[in-house]
């Protein structure tokens, strides 16, 4: 499994009139399923896979509560 790229993005959650911004770490890998197996074998809890725009996406929460998404094109 190779990490192809990563970046921090700002996600805006809109709950009625209250807008909440949060940072999300996006990690692009060549094989999300392989990443998920490796992460689970090391004790991480992942959600997914979800399919978004022809990409497989898993999510997890980092130690500092930052959301992390792992993507791979399928």
Protein backbone atom coordinates (compact mmCIF):
# COMPACT_ATOMS: atom_id res chain seq x y z
CA UNK A 1 0.00 0.00 0.00
CA UNK A 2 1.29 3.44 -0.93
CA UNK A 3 0.19 6.85 0.29
CA UNK A 4 -0.18 8.91 -2.87
CA UNK A 5 -0.97 12.26 -1.26
CA UNK A 6 -2.53 13.93 1.74
CA UNK A 7 -3.90 17.34 2.61
CA UNK A 8 -5.78 19.23 5.30
CA UNK A 9 -9.13 20.59 4.18
CA UNK A 10 -11.73 22.67 5.95
CA UNK A 11 -15.19 21.16 6.11
CA UNK A 12 -18.17 23.36 6.92
CA UNK A 13 -21.06 21.78 8.81
CA UNK A 14 -24.20 23.82 8.62
CA UNK A 15 -26.75 23.19 11.33
CA UNK A 16 -29.57 25.65 10.67
CA UNK A 17 -27.99 29.06 11.24
CA UNK A 18 -24.94 27.89 13.20
CA UNK A 19 -22.01 27.13 10.92
CA UNK A 20 -19.18 25.01 12.24
CA UNK A 21 -15.83 24.69 10.51
CA UNK A 22 -13.55 21.74 11.17
CA UNK A 23 -10.27 20.52 9.79
CA UNK A 24 -10.21 17.14 8.07
CA UNK A 25 -7.12 15.21 7.01
CA UNK A 26 -7.62 13.53 3.62
CA UNK A 27 -5.23 10.70 2.77
CA UNK A 28 -5.19 9.28 -0.77
CA UNK A 29 -3.86 5.72 -1.02
CA UNK A 30 -3.52 3.26 -3.87
CA UNK A 31 -5.62 0.61 -2.06
CA UNK A 32 -8.08 1.66 0.65
CA UNK A 33 -9.04 -1.93 1.46
CA UNK A 34 -5.41 -2.84 2.15
CA UNK A 35 -5.07 0.27 4.32
CA UNK A 36 -8.23 -0.67 6.25
CA UNK A 37 -6.94 -4.20 6.92
CA UNK A 38 -3.60 -2.84 8.14
CA UNK A 39 -5.28 -0.20 10.33
CA UNK A 40 -7.72 -2.70 11.86
CA UNK A 41 -4.90 -5.16 12.58
CA UNK A 42 -3.22 -2.34 14.54
CA UNK A 43 -6.32 -1.68 16.64
CA UNK A 44 -7.84 1.31 14.81
CA UNK A 45 -11.59 1.56 14.39
CA UNK A 46 -12.63 2.52 10.87
CA UNK A 47 -16.01 3.24 9.35
CA UNK A 48 -16.74 2.30 5.77
CA UNK A 49 -16.16 1.71 3.02
CA UNK A 50 -18.36 4.36 1.51
CA UNK A 51 -18.39 5.02 -2.23
CA UNK A 52 -18.11 8.68 -3.23
CA UNK A 53 -17.53 9.72 -6.82
CA UNK A 54 -15.98 6.35 -7.80
CA UNK A 55 -13.69 6.37 -4.75
CA UNK A 56 -13.67 4.00 -1.78
CA UNK A 57 -13.62 6.02 1.44
CA UNK A 58 -12.95 4.97 5.03
CA UNK A 59 -13.12 7.32 7.98
CA UNK A 60 -11.55 7.36 11.41
CA UNK A 61 -10.89 9.84 14.19
CA UNK A 62 -7.28 10.70 15.04
CA UNK A 63 -6.00 10.91 18.62
CA UNK A 64 -6.65 14.67 18.74
CA UNK A 65 -10.23 14.10 17.48
CA UNK A 66 -9.40 15.30 13.99
CA UNK A 67 -11.49 13.46 11.39
CA UNK A 68 -9.42 11.51 8.87
CA UNK A 69 -10.67 10.19 5.54
CA UNK A 70 -8.81 7.56 3.52
CA UNK A 71 -9.60 7.50 -0.20
CA UNK A 72 -8.64 5.29 -3.10
CA UNK A 73 -9.87 5.37 -6.65
CA UNK A 74 -11.59 2.21 -7.75
